[in-house]
Protein backbone atom coordinates (compact mmCIF):
# COMPACT_ATOMS: atom_id res chain seq x y z
CA MET A 1 174.59 67.46 102.16
CA LEU A 2 172.73 64.14 102.12
CA TYR A 3 171.27 64.30 105.66
CA GLN A 4 171.77 66.32 108.80
CA ILE A 5 171.32 64.79 112.24
CA GLY A 6 171.46 67.55 114.83
CA ALA A 7 174.76 69.35 114.21
CA LEU A 8 176.22 66.44 112.23
CA LYS A 9 176.21 66.87 108.47
CA ILE A 10 176.28 63.63 106.52
CA ASP A 11 177.80 64.38 103.16
CA VAL A 12 179.78 62.57 100.51
CA THR A 13 183.06 63.20 102.37
CA PRO A 14 184.30 62.60 104.99
CA PHE A 15 181.15 61.29 106.74
CA ASN A 16 178.86 59.73 104.17
CA ALA A 17 175.72 57.67 103.80
CA HIS A 18 174.98 55.35 100.92
CA GLY A 19 171.60 54.03 102.04
CA VAL A 20 168.56 54.91 104.11
CA THR A 21 165.64 52.76 105.22
CA ILE A 22 162.55 54.42 106.67
CA SER A 23 159.73 52.41 108.23
CA ARG A 24 156.49 54.20 109.06
CA GLN A 25 153.86 52.45 111.16
CA THR A 26 150.31 53.12 112.24
CA ASP A 27 148.91 51.62 115.43
CA TYR A 28 145.47 50.04 115.75
CA VAL A 29 143.69 48.30 118.62
CA PRO A 30 141.32 45.41 117.85
CA LYS A 31 137.86 45.74 119.42
CA PRO A 32 136.31 42.43 120.46
CA VAL A 33 132.84 41.75 119.08
CA VAL A 34 130.70 38.62 119.19
CA GLY A 35 130.25 36.64 115.98
CA ALA A 36 132.21 38.93 113.64
CA GLU A 37 135.71 39.91 112.70
CA GLN A 38 137.21 42.38 115.16
CA PRO A 39 137.15 45.96 113.87
CA LEU A 40 140.32 47.99 114.31
CA GLU A 41 140.39 51.35 116.06
CA TYR A 42 143.05 53.80 114.88
CA VAL A 43 145.14 55.03 117.81
CA GLY A 44 147.83 57.07 116.04
CA GLU A 45 151.32 56.92 114.68
CA GLY A 46 153.37 53.86 115.51
CA ALA A 47 157.08 53.31 115.97
CA ASN A 48 158.53 55.12 112.97
CA THR A 49 162.16 54.12 112.45
CA MET A 50 165.05 55.20 110.22
CA ARG A 51 168.32 53.42 109.47
CA LEU A 52 171.21 55.21 107.74
CA SER A 53 174.09 53.15 106.38
CA GLY A 54 177.45 54.49 105.32
CA THR A 55 181.17 53.90 105.11
CA LEU A 56 184.05 55.90 106.56
CA TRP A 57 187.59 55.77 105.24
CA PRO A 58 189.46 57.39 108.16
CA GLU A 59 192.97 56.96 106.73
CA ARG A 60 192.06 58.39 103.33
CA ILE A 61 189.27 60.90 103.94
CA GLY A 62 188.81 61.26 107.71
CA GLY A 63 185.51 61.29 109.59
CA MET A 64 186.57 60.06 113.03
CA GLY A 65 185.71 63.44 114.59
CA GLN A 66 182.19 63.27 113.18
CA LEU A 67 181.84 59.67 114.39
CA SER A 68 182.84 60.79 117.88
CA ARG A 69 180.26 63.61 117.73
CA LEU A 70 177.57 61.13 116.63
CA GLN A 71 178.39 58.82 119.55
CA SER A 72 178.17 61.80 121.93
CA MET A 73 174.75 62.75 120.56
CA ARG A 74 173.59 59.14 121.02
CA ALA A 75 174.91 58.97 124.58
CA SER A 76 173.18 62.25 125.51
CA GLY A 77 169.78 60.65 125.02
CA SER A 78 168.42 63.88 123.53
CA PRO A 79 166.31 63.71 120.36
CA GLN A 80 168.04 65.23 117.34
CA PHE A 81 166.41 67.18 114.52
CA VAL A 82 166.88 65.39 111.19
CA MET A 83 166.78 67.06 107.79
CA ARG A 84 167.10 65.48 104.37
CA GLY A 85 169.54 66.97 101.87
CA ASP A 86 166.79 68.55 99.76
CA GLY A 87 165.76 70.66 102.77
CA THR A 88 162.83 68.49 103.86
CA PRO A 89 162.56 68.48 107.66
CA LEU A 90 161.98 64.96 108.99
CA GLY A 91 161.37 65.96 112.60
CA TRP A 92 162.91 64.83 115.88
CA TRP A 93 164.56 61.41 116.16
CA ALA A 94 166.22 59.55 119.03
CA ILE A 95 169.48 57.82 118.11
CA LEU A 96 168.98 54.27 119.38
CA ASP A 97 172.33 52.82 118.39
CA VAL A 98 175.36 53.32 116.19
CA LYS A 99 177.06 50.18 114.91
CA GLU A 100 180.67 50.36 113.74
CA ASP A 101 182.17 47.51 111.75
CA HIS A 102 185.94 48.12 111.51
CA ARG A 103 187.70 46.38 108.60
CA HIS A 104 191.40 46.14 107.73
CA LEU A 105 192.66 47.33 111.12
CA GLY A 106 195.60 49.67 111.17
CA PRO A 107 198.38 49.72 113.78
CA ASN A 108 196.26 52.02 116.00
CA GLY A 109 193.36 49.51 116.08
CA VAL A 110 191.12 51.66 113.89
CA GLY A 111 189.79 50.17 110.69
CA ASN A 112 190.92 51.58 107.37
CA ARG A 113 187.27 51.04 106.42
CA ILE A 114 184.42 51.50 108.90
CA ASP A 115 180.92 50.44 107.90
CA LEU A 116 178.33 52.36 109.93
CA THR A 117 174.68 51.80 110.72
CA ILE A 118 172.72 54.48 112.57
CA ASN A 119 169.35 53.34 113.95
CA MET A 120 166.86 56.01 115.02
CA ARG A 121 163.26 56.15 116.19
CA ARG A 122 160.89 59.08 115.77
CA ALA A 123 160.61 61.06 119.01
CA GLY A 124 158.82 64.10 120.31
CA ARG A 125 160.43 67.50 120.35
CA PRO A 126 162.63 68.00 123.40
CA SER A 127 161.31 70.35 126.04
CA GLY A 128 163.02 73.30 127.65
CA PHE A 129 166.61 72.44 128.53
CA GLY A 130 166.89 69.69 125.90
CA LEU A 131 165.89 72.12 123.14
CA LEU A 132 168.35 74.73 124.42
CA ALA A 133 171.15 72.13 124.52
CA PHE A 134 170.32 71.15 120.93
CA ILE A 135 170.47 74.75 119.73
CA LEU A 136 173.76 75.40 121.51
CA GLY A 137 175.16 72.16 120.09
CA MET A 138 174.53 73.47 116.58
CA PHE A 139 177.17 76.15 117.20
CA ALA A 140 179.76 73.88 118.85
C-alpha cells in the first residue's frame, strides 16, 4: 500500500499513485507599529494541502470501482483519514477535487489511460455522525 484515503487503498495496482506533493503552511498576522518593521504574531497552522497524482489503466488493470468510490467520498463532504504506506497517520483530510484526464478513449467513452489528480486540504476530525459514517464505510 502506498497511501490509504478513508477506505480506499492506493497501491501499485489497480489504483496507483506515482507522485505526492504536500504543502504545509503556518499563519501569521502582522502587528502594526510606528516607525519599525511590523512584527508577526503566530496564529497557528495554515492551509495544509496534499496532491496525489496517479494513472489508471482500466482496460488492462482495472480501477474504475475504486475511482467511483473516491468520487463518492469526495461528494459526501466528509473528511477522510489518510495514512501513508509506512503506517504513518497523516490525519483527517477533505477531498477538494478529483481530476480525471481520459486518454485514448475506448468505444464506451472511458479512456484506456486515466491520469488522476486528487487535491485535499487538512481538516478537523469529523464529529459524531460523520465519524460513525467513516467507520462504517471502512467495512463497505
